[in-house]
Amino acid sequence: MLGLLRLVVVLLVVLTVVYWCMVFWFRAGERDRLEAEWETEKPPLPRHTFVDIGMAEYKRSLRRKLLWGVYVVPITLICLLVYLVNYA
């Protein structure tokens, strides 16, 4: 039981570090893409407003995808693997 608790704590710490690294990485890439889009299209909005609006829209979609991809899927697969190894 203590080994399982230690595994869960270490796993959550590692997944949290991975999650925040991916958040910063993807947000930087999206900001660069929006700035390049502003340069090519030259919309009537100022650059910072255009980028801020785009980042607000992107933030909502990014969180949901990363929560599923970083926390839910790996933890589900690990639980499935533990079940199959021990009880199947």
PDB file of N, CA and C in Angstrom:
ATOM      1  N   MET A   1       0.823  -1.188   0.000  1.00  0.00           N
ATOM      2  CA  MET A   1       0.000   0.000   0.000  1.00  0.00           C
ATOM      3  C   MET A   1       0.870   1.255   0.000  1.00  0.00           C
ATOM      4  N   LEU A   2       1.936   1.231   0.781  1.00  0.00           N
ATOM      5  CA  LEU A   2       2.827   2.384   0.832  1.00  0.00           C
ATOM      6  C   LEU A   2       3.546   2.578  -0.500  1.00  0.00           C
ATOM      7  N   GLY A   3       3.871   1.479  -1.160  1.00  0.00           N
ATOM      8  CA  GLY A   3       4.507   1.566  -2.476  1.00  0.00           C
ATOM      9  C   GLY A   3       3.579   2.196  -3.510  1.00  0.00           C
ATOM     10  N   LEU A   4       2.297   1.840  -3.455  1.00  0.00           N
ATOM     11  CA  LEU A   4       1.318   2.420  -4.370  1.00  0.00           C
ATOM     12  C   LEU A   4       1.155   3.917  -4.119  1.00  0.00           C
ATOM     13  N   LEU A   5       1.119   4.309  -2.868  1.00  0.00           N
ATOM     14  CA  LEU A   5       1.004   5.731  -2.528  1.00  0.00           C
ATOM     15  C   LEU A   5       2.217   6.504  -3.026  1.00  0.00           C
ATOM     16  N   ARG A   6       3.389   5.942  -2.856  1.00  0.00           N
ATOM     17  CA  ARG A   6       4.608   6.590  -3.330  1.00  0.00           C
ATOM     18  C   ARG A   6       4.596   6.715  -4.856  1.00  0.00           C
ATOM     19  N   LEU A   7       4.140   5.665  -5.550  1.00  0.00           N
ATOM     20  CA  LEU A   7       4.026   5.705  -7.006  1.00  0.00           C
ATOM     21  C   LEU A   7       3.058   6.793  -7.455  1.00  0.00           C
ATOM     22  N   VAL A   8       1.925   6.903  -6.798  1.00  0.00           N
ATOM     23  CA  VAL A   8       0.920   7.905  -7.167  1.00  0.00           C
ATOM     24  C   VAL A   8       1.460   9.313  -6.956  1.00  0.00           C
ATOM     25  N   VAL A   9       2.132   9.554  -5.848  1.00  0.00           N
ATOM     26  CA  VAL A   9       2.676  10.890  -5.571  1.00  0.00           C
ATOM     27  C   VAL A   9       3.741  11.258  -6.597  1.00  0.00           C
ATOM     28  N   VAL A  10       4.659  10.355  -6.861  1.00  0.00           N
ATOM     29  CA  VAL A  10       5.713  10.631  -7.845  1.00  0.00           C
ATOM     30  C   VAL A  10       5.103  10.828  -9.229  1.00  0.00           C
ATOM     31  N   LEU A  11       4.136   9.997  -9.591  1.00  0.00           N
ATOM     32  CA  LEU A  11       3.482  10.114 -10.894  1.00  0.00           C
ATOM     33  C   LEU A  11       2.782  11.459 -11.042  1.00  0.00           C
ATOM     34  N   LEU A  12       2.067  11.899 -10.017  1.00  0.00           N
ATOM     35  CA  LEU A  12       1.379  13.188 -10.095  1.00  0.00           C
ATOM     36  C   LEU A  12       2.356  14.353 -10.180  1.00  0.00           C
ATOM     37  N   VAL A  13       3.470  14.269  -9.474  1.00  0.00           N
ATOM     38  CA  VAL A  13       4.476  15.333  -9.558  1.00  0.00           C
ATOM     39  C   VAL A  13       5.071  15.387 -10.961  1.00  0.00           C
ATOM     40  N   VAL A  14       5.434  14.238 -11.498  1.00  0.00           N
ATOM     41  CA  VAL A  14       6.021  14.196 -12.846  1.00  0.00           C
ATOM     42  C   VAL A  14       5.014  14.678 -13.890  1.00  0.00           C
ATOM     43  N   LEU A  15       3.775  14.229 -13.791  1.00  0.00           N
ATOM     44  CA  LEU A  15       2.760  14.649 -14.755  1.00  0.00           C
ATOM     45  C   LEU A  15       2.458  16.142 -14.649  1.00  0.00           C
ATOM     46  N   THR A  16       2.529  16.697 -13.448  1.00  0.00           N
ATOM     47  CA  THR A  16       2.315  18.132 -13.283  1.00  0.00           C
ATOM     48  C   THR A  16       3.437  18.924 -13.927  1.00  0.00           C
ATOM     49  N   VAL A  17       4.664  18.478 -13.774  1.00  0.00           N
ATOM     50  CA  VAL A  17       5.792  19.151 -14.429  1.00  0.00           C
ATOM     51  C   VAL A  17       5.644  19.064 -15.947  1.00  0.00           C
ATOM     52  N   VAL A  18       5.279  17.900 -16.451  1.00  0.00           N
ATOM     53  CA  VAL A  18       5.072  17.731 -17.895  1.00  0.00           C
ATOM     54  C   VAL A  18       3.941  18.637 -18.374  1.00  0.00           C
ATOM     55  N   TYR A  19       2.863  18.703 -17.613  1.00  0.00           N
ATOM     56  CA  TYR A  19       1.717  19.540 -17.986  1.00  0.00           C
ATOM     57  C   TYR A  19       2.125  21.004 -18.126  1.00  0.00           C
ATOM     58  N   TRP A  20       2.823  21.539 -17.139  1.00  0.00           N
ATOM     59  CA  TRP A  20       3.189  22.961 -17.188  1.00  0.00           C
ATOM     60  C   TRP A  20       4.227  23.235 -18.266  1.00  0.00           C
ATOM     61  N   CYS A  21       5.132  22.317 -18.501  1.00  0.00           N
ATOM     62  CA  CYS A  21       6.081  22.498 -19.614  1.00  0.00           C
ATOM     63  C   CYS A  21       5.343  22.545 -20.948  1.00  0.00           C
ATOM     64  N   MET A  22       4.366  21.671 -21.119  1.00  0.00           N
ATOM     65  CA  MET A  22       3.605  21.660 -22.366  1.00  0.00           C
ATOM     66  C   MET A  22       2.738  22.905 -22.508  1.00  0.00           C
ATOM     67  N   VAL A  23       2.176  23.395 -21.405  1.00  0.00           N
ATOM     68  CA  VAL A  23       1.383  24.629 -21.464  1.00  0.00           C
ATOM     69  C   VAL A  23       2.241  25.774 -21.978  1.00  0.00           C
ATOM     70  N   PHE A  24       3.423  25.948 -21.398  1.00  0.00           N
ATOM     71  CA  PHE A  24       4.289  27.055 -21.822  1.00  0.00           C
ATOM     72  C   PHE A  24       4.758  26.874 -23.260  1.00  0.00           C
ATOM     73  N   TRP A  25       5.093  25.657 -23.644  1.00  0.00           N
ATOM     74  CA  TRP A  25       5.579  25.376 -25.000  1.00  0.00           C
ATOM     75  C   TRP A  25       4.497  25.685 -26.041  1.00  0.00           C
ATOM     76  N   PHE A  26       3.296  25.144 -25.830  1.00  0.00           N
ATOM     77  CA  PHE A  26       2.221  25.333 -26.802  1.00  0.00           C
ATOM     78  C   PHE A  26       1.739  26.777 -26.855  1.00  0.00           C
ATOM     79  N   ARG A  27       1.707  27.439 -25.704  1.00  0.00           N
ATOM     80  CA  ARG A  27       1.286  28.845 -25.714  1.00  0.00           C
ATOM     81  C   ARG A  27       2.289  29.712 -26.454  1.00  0.00           C
ATOM     82  N   ALA A  28       3.568  29.440 -26.298  1.00  0.00           N
ATOM     83  CA  ALA A  28       4.587  30.213 -27.017  1.00  0.00           C
ATOM     84  C   ALA A  28       4.450  29.995 -28.522  1.00  0.00           C
ATOM     85  N   GLY A  29       4.208  28.772 -28.923  1.00  0.00           N
ATOM     86  CA  GLY A  29       4.025  28.483 -30.342  1.00  0.00           C
ATOM     87  C   GLY A  29       2.786  29.157 -30.913  1.00  0.00           C
ATOM     88  N   GLU A  30       1.707  29.151 -30.151  1.00  0.00           N
ATOM     89  CA  GLU A  30       0.477  29.795 -30.615  1.00  0.00           C
ATOM     90  C   GLU A  30       0.648  31.313 -30.690  1.00  0.00           C
ATOM     91  N   ARG A  31       1.347  31.882 -29.725  1.00  0.00           N
ATOM     92  CA  ARG A  31       1.600  33.328 -29.757  1.00  0.00           C
ATOM     93  C   ARG A  31       2.425  33.688 -30.995  1.00  0.00           C
ATOM     94  N   ASP A  32       3.439  32.896 -31.290  1.00  0.00           N
ATOM     95  CA  ASP A  32       4.245  33.144 -32.494  1.00  0.00           C
ATOM     96  C   ASP A  32       3.393  33.025 -33.757  1.00  0.00           C
ATOM     97  N   ARG A  33       2.510  32.035 -33.806  1.00  0.00           N
ATOM     98  CA  ARG A  33       1.645  31.855 -34.965  1.00  0.00           C
ATOM     99  C   ARG A  33       0.698  33.042 -35.137  1.00  0.00           C
ATOM    100  N   LEU A  34       0.133  33.527 -34.022  1.00  0.00           N
ATOM    101  CA  LEU A  34      -0.775  34.671 -34.095  1.00  0.00           C
ATOM    102  C   LEU A  34      -0.045  35.937 -34.526  1.00  0.00           C
ATOM    103  N   GLU A  35       1.168  36.131 -34.036  1.00  0.00           N
ATOM    104  CA  GLU A  35       1.937  37.309 -34.443  1.00  0.00           C
ATOM    105  C   GLU A  35       2.282  37.247 -35.926  1.00  0.00           C
ATOM    106  N   ALA A  36       2.617  36.066 -36.417  1.00  0.00           N
ATOM    107  CA  ALA A  36       2.902  35.916 -37.846  1.00  0.00           C
ATOM    108  C   ALA A  36       1.636  36.138 -38.671  1.00  0.00           C
ATOM    109  N   GLU A  37       0.510  35.663 -38.179  1.00  0.00           N
ATOM    110  CA  GLU A  37      -0.760  35.875 -38.879  1.00  0.00           C
ATOM    111  C   GLU A  37      -1.103  37.365 -38.930  1.00  0.00           C
ATOM    112  N   TRP A  38      -0.853  38.077 -37.841  1.00  0.00           N
ATOM    113  CA  TRP A  38      -1.110  39.521 -37.827  1.00  0.00           C
ATOM    114  C   TRP A  38      -0.218  40.239 -38.838  1.00  0.00           C
ATOM    115  N   GLU A  39       1.031  39.800 -38.939  1.00  0.00           N
ATOM    116  CA  GLU A  39       1.956  40.415 -39.897  1.00  0.00           C
ATOM    117  C   GLU A  39       1.499  40.221 -41.336  1.00  0.00           C
ATOM    118  N   THR A  40       0.969  39.047 -41.658  1.00  0.00           N
ATOM    119  CA  THR A  40       0.581  38.780 -43.046  1.00  0.00           C
ATOM    120  C   THR A  40      -0.768  39.395 -43.402  1.00  0.00           C
ATOM    121  N   GLU A  41      -1.715  39.392 -42.456  1.00  0.00           N
ATOM    122  CA  GLU A  41      -3.063  39.873 -42.763  1.00  0.00           C
ATOM    123  C   GLU A  41      -3.268  41.355 -42.483  1.00  0.00           C
ATOM    124  N   LYS A  42      -2.526  41.916 -41.534  1.00  0.00           N
ATOM    125  CA  LYS A  42      -2.674  43.312 -41.113  1.00  0.00           C
ATOM    126  C   LYS A  42      -4.136  43.671 -40.808  1.00  0.00           C
ATOM    127  N   PRO A  43      -4.743  43.032 -39.808  1.00  0.00           N
ATOM    128  CA  PRO A  43      -6.133  43.356 -39.466  1.00  0.00           C
ATOM    129  C   PRO A  43      -6.216  44.754 -38.840  1.00  0.00           C
ATOM    130  N   PRO A  44      -7.435  45.306 -38.716  1.00  0.00           N
ATOM    131  CA  PRO A  44      -7.568  46.658 -38.163  1.00  0.00           C
ATOM    132  C   PRO A  44      -7.250  46.748 -36.672  1.00  0.00           C
ATOM    133  N   LEU A  45      -7.212  45.621 -35.981  1.00  0.00           N
ATOM    134  CA  LEU A  45      -6.896  45.626 -34.546  1.00  0.00           C
ATOM    135  C   LEU A  45      -5.406  45.847 -34.327  1.00  0.00           C
ATOM    136  N   PRO A  46      -5.043  46.472 -33.199  1.00  0.00           N
ATOM    137  CA  PRO A  46      -3.618  46.539 -32.858  1.00  0.00           C
ATOM    138  C   PRO A  46      -3.069  45.130 -32.614  1.00  0.00           C
ATOM    139  N   ARG A  47      -1.770  44.996 -32.745  1.00  0.00           N
ATOM    140  CA  ARG A  47      -1.130  43.675 -32.646  1.00  0.00           C
ATOM    141  C   ARG A  47      -1.408  43.003 -31.306  1.00  0.00           C
ATOM    142  N   HIS A  48      -1.208  43.729 -30.208  1.00  0.00           N
ATOM    143  CA  HIS A  48      -1.379  43.112 -28.882  1.00  0.00           C
ATOM    144  C   HIS A  48      -2.831  42.700 -28.646  1.00  0.00           C
ATOM    145  N   THR A  49      -3.793  43.458 -29.150  1.00  0.00           N
ATOM    146  CA  THR A  49      -5.203  43.097 -28.991  1.00  0.00           C
ATOM    147  C   THR A  49      -5.531  41.840 -29.795  1.00  0.00           C
ATOM    148  N   PHE A  50      -5.043  41.783 -31.019  1.00  0.00           N
ATOM    149  CA  PHE A  50      -5.265  40.611 -31.871  1.00  0.00           C
ATOM    150  C   PHE A  50      -4.689  39.356 -31.223  1.00  0.00           C
ATOM    151  N   VAL A  51      -3.483  39.468 -30.703  1.00  0.00           N
ATOM    152  CA  VAL A  51      -2.828  38.314 -30.073  1.00  0.00           C
ATOM    153  C   VAL A  51      -3.545  37.933 -28.780  1.00  0.00           C
ATOM    154  N   ASP A  52      -3.948  38.916 -27.969  1.00  0.00           N
ATOM    155  CA  ASP A  52      -4.642  38.619 -26.712  1.00  0.00           C
ATOM    156  C   ASP A  52      -5.978  37.921 -26.945  1.00  0.00           C
ATOM    157  N   ILE A  53      -6.724  38.366 -27.949  1.00  0.00           N
ATOM    158  CA  ILE A  53      -8.004  37.716 -28.260  1.00  0.00           C
ATOM    159  C   ILE A  53      -7.762  36.279 -28.732  1.00  0.00           C
ATOM    160  N   GLY A  54      -6.780  36.098 -29.587  1.00  0.00           N
ATOM    161  CA  GLY A  54      -6.461  34.752 -30.065  1.00  0.00           C
ATOM    162  C   GLY A  54      -5.986  33.835 -28.952  1.00  0.00           C
ATOM    163  N   MET A  55      -5.192  34.371 -28.032  1.00  0.00           N
ATOM    164  CA  MET A  55      -4.698  33.553 -26.922  1.00  0.00           C
ATOM    165  C   MET A  55      -5.823  33.183 -25.962  1.00  0.00           C
ATOM    166  N   ALA A  56      -6.788  34.073 -25.761  1.00  0.00           N
ATOM    167  CA  ALA A  56      -7.921  33.758 -24.885  1.00  0.00           C
ATOM    168  C   ALA A  56      -8.737  32.606 -25.464  1.00  0.00           C
ATOM    169  N   GLU A  57      -8.940  32.614 -26.780  1.00  0.00           N
ATOM    170  CA  GLU A  57      -9.666  31.510 -27.414  1.00  0.00           C
ATOM    171  C   GLU A  57      -8.862  30.216 -27.348  1.00  0.00           C
ATOM    172  N   TYR A  58      -7.568  30.315 -27.546  1.00  0.00           N
ATOM    173  CA  TYR A  58      -6.708  29.131 -27.553  1.00  0.00           C
ATOM    174  C   TYR A  58      -6.587  28.527 -26.156  1.00  0.00           C
ATOM    175  N   LYS A  59      -6.583  29.364 -25.134  1.00  0.00           N
ATOM    176  CA  LYS A  59      -6.407  28.895 -23.758  1.00  0.00           C
ATOM    177  C   LYS A  59      -7.514  27.919 -23.358  1.00  0.00           C
ATOM    178  N   ARG A  60      -8.742  28.211 -23.755  1.00  0.00           N
ATOM    179  CA  ARG A  60      -9.859  27.323 -23.394  1.00  0.00           C
ATOM    180  C   ARG A  60      -9.700  25.939 -24.008  1.00  0.00           C
ATOM    181  N   SER A  61      -9.287  25.880 -25.249  1.00  0.00           N
ATOM    182  CA  SER A  61      -9.159  24.578 -25.902  1.00  0.00           C
ATOM    183  C   SER A  61      -7.917  23.829 -25.427  1.00  0.00           C
ATOM    184  N   LEU A  62      -6.854  24.560 -25.128  1.00  0.00           N
ATOM    185  CA  LEU A  62      -5.601  23.926 -24.722  1.00  0.00           C
ATOM    186  C   LEU A  62      -5.729  23.212 -23.387  1.00  0.00           C
ATOM    187  N   ARG A  63      -6.336  23.835 -22.405  1.00  0.00           N
ATOM    188  CA  ARG A  63      -6.436  23.230 -21.071  1.00  0.00           C
ATOM    189  C   ARG A  63      -7.137  21.880 -21.120  1.00  0.00           C
ATOM    190  N   ARG A  64      -8.248  21.826 -21.810  1.00  0.00           N
ATOM    191  CA  ARG A  64      -9.020  20.585 -21.862  1.00  0.00           C
ATOM    192  C   ARG A  64      -8.221  19.472 -22.528  1.00  0.00           C
ATOM    193  N   LYS A  65      -7.564  19.788 -23.630  1.00  0.00           N
ATOM    194  CA  LYS A  65      -6.783  18.781 -24.350  1.00  0.00           C
ATOM    195  C   LYS A  65      -5.605  18.292 -23.512  1.00  0.00           C
ATOM    196  N   LEU A  66      -4.918  19.217 -22.856  1.00  0.00           N
ATOM    197  CA  LEU A  66      -3.761  18.811 -22.062  1.00  0.00           C
ATOM    198  C   LEU A  66      -4.162  18.029 -20.820  1.00  0.00           C
ATOM    199  N   LEU A  67      -5.273  18.394 -20.187  1.00  0.00           N
ATOM    200  CA  LEU A  67      -5.712  17.626 -19.024  1.00  0.00           C
ATOM    201  C   LEU A  67      -5.997  16.180 -19.410  1.00  0.00           C
ATOM    202  N   TRP A  68      -6.646  15.976 -20.547  1.00  0.00           N
ATOM    203  CA  TRP A  68      -6.907  14.619 -21.008  1.00  0.00           C
ATOM    204  C   TRP A  68      -5.617  13.919 -21.403  1.00  0.00           C
ATOM    205  N   GLY A  69      -4.764  14.613 -22.140  1.00  0.00           N
ATOM    206  CA  GLY A  69      -3.561  13.984 -22.669  1.00  0.00           C
ATOM    207  C   GLY A  69      -2.477  13.719 -21.647  1.00  0.00           C
ATOM    208  N   VAL A  70      -2.415  14.555 -20.610  1.00  0.00           N
ATOM    209  CA  VAL A  70      -1.322  14.424 -19.647  1.00  0.00           C
ATOM    210  C   VAL A  70      -1.753  13.682 -18.385  1.00  0.00           C
ATOM    211  N   TYR A  71      -2.978  13.886 -17.929  1.00  0.00           N
ATOM    212  CA  TYR A  71      -3.402  13.245 -16.686  1.00  0.00           C
ATOM    213  C   TYR A  71      -4.309  12.032 -16.915  1.00  0.00           C
ATOM    214  N   VAL A  72      -5.388  12.199 -17.614  1.00  0.00           N
ATOM    215  CA  VAL A  72      -6.422  11.163 -17.683  1.00  0.00           C
ATOM    216  C   VAL A  72      -5.948   9.929 -18.445  1.00  0.00           C
ATOM    217  N   VAL A  73      -5.413  10.108 -19.625  1.00  0.00           N
ATOM    218  CA  VAL A  73      -5.011   8.958 -20.446  1.00  0.00           C
ATOM    219  C   VAL A  73      -3.888   8.146 -19.786  1.00  0.00           C
ATOM    220  N   PRO A  74      -2.773   8.759 -19.350  1.00  0.00           N
ATOM    221  CA  PRO A  74      -1.722   7.944 -18.726  1.00  0.00           C
ATOM    222  C   PRO A  74      -2.167   7.250 -17.436  1.00  0.00           C
ATOM    223  N   ILE A  75      -2.933   7.940 -16.601  1.00  0.00           N
ATOM    224  CA  ILE A  75      -3.379   7.323 -15.350  1.00  0.00           C
ATOM    225  C   ILE A  75      -4.337   6.170 -15.647  1.00  0.00           C
ATOM    226  N   THR A  76      -5.214   6.339 -16.625  1.00  0.00           N
ATOM    227  CA  THR A  76      -6.124   5.260 -17.009  1.00  0.00           C
ATOM    228  C   THR A  76      -5.351   4.057 -17.540  1.00  0.00           C
ATOM    229  N   LEU A  77      -4.354   4.309 -18.375  1.00  0.00           N
ATOM    230  CA  LEU A  77      -3.553   3.202 -18.910  1.00  0.00           C
ATOM    231  C   LEU A  77      -2.775   2.483 -17.813  1.00  0.00           C
ATOM    232  N   ILE A  78      -2.240   3.225 -16.863  1.00  0.00           N
ATOM    233  CA  ILE A  78      -1.507   2.600 -15.759  1.00  0.00           C
ATOM    234  C   ILE A  78      -2.455   1.765 -14.905  1.00  0.00           C
ATOM    235  N   CYS A  79      -3.645   2.290 -14.605  1.00  0.00           N
ATOM    236  CA  CYS A  79      -4.623   1.516 -13.832  1.00  0.00           C
ATOM    237  C   CYS A  79      -5.042   0.255 -14.580  1.00  0.00           C
ATOM    238  N   LEU A  80      -5.245   0.378 -15.882  1.00  0.00           N
ATOM    239  CA  LEU A  80      -5.596  -0.788 -16.693  1.00  0.00           C
ATOM    240  C   LEU A  80      -4.473  -1.821 -16.678  1.00  0.00           C
ATOM    241  N   LEU A  81      -3.246  -1.368 -16.804  1.00  0.00           N
ATOM    242  CA  LEU A  81      -2.101  -2.267 -16.778  1.00  0.00           C
ATOM    243  C   LEU A  81      -1.974  -2.969 -15.428  1.00  0.00           C
ATOM    244  N   VAL A  82      -2.142  -2.237 -14.333  1.00  0.00           N
ATOM    245  CA  VAL A  82      -2.074  -2.842 -12.997  1.00  0.00           C
ATOM    246  C   VAL A  82      -3.180  -3.878 -12.839  1.00  0.00           C
ATOM    247  N   TYR A  83      -4.377  -3.568 -13.302  1.00  0.00           N
ATOM    248  CA  TYR A  83      -5.483  -4.518 -13.215  1.00  0.00           C
ATOM    249  C   TYR A  83      -5.194  -5.782 -14.026  1.00  0.00           C
ATOM    250  N   LEU A  84      -4.729  -5.597 -15.256  1.00  0.00           N
ATOM    251  CA  LEU A  84      -4.468  -6.757 -16.110  1.00  0.00           C
ATOM    252  C   LEU A  84      -3.349  -7.631 -15.563  1.00  0.00           C
ATOM    253  N   VAL A  85      -2.322  -7.020 -15.009  1.00  0.00           N
ATOM    254  CA  VAL A  85      -1.205  -7.794 -14.469  1.00  0.00           C
ATOM    255  C   VAL A  85      -1.627  -8.556 -13.216  1.00  0.00           C
ATOM    256  N   ASN A  86      -2.442  -7.949 -12.374  1.00  0.00           N
ATOM    257  CA  ASN A  86      -2.781  -8.566 -11.098  1.00  0.00           C
ATOM    258  C   ASN A  86      -4.010  -9.468 -11.137  1.00  0.00           C
ATOM    259  N   TYR A  87      -4.991  -9.166 -11.981  1.00  0.00           N
ATOM    260  CA  TYR A  87      -6.263  -9.879 -11.891  1.00  0.00           C
ATOM    261  C   TYR A  87      -6.684 -10.585 -13.171  1.00  0.00           C
ATOM    262  N   ALA A  88      -5.994 -10.404 -14.256  1.00  0.00           N
ATOM    263  CA  ALA A  88      -6.438 -11.049 -15.498  1.00  0.00           C
ATOM    264  C   ALA A  88      -5.565 -12.240 -15.840  1.00  0.00           C
TER     265      ALA A  88
END
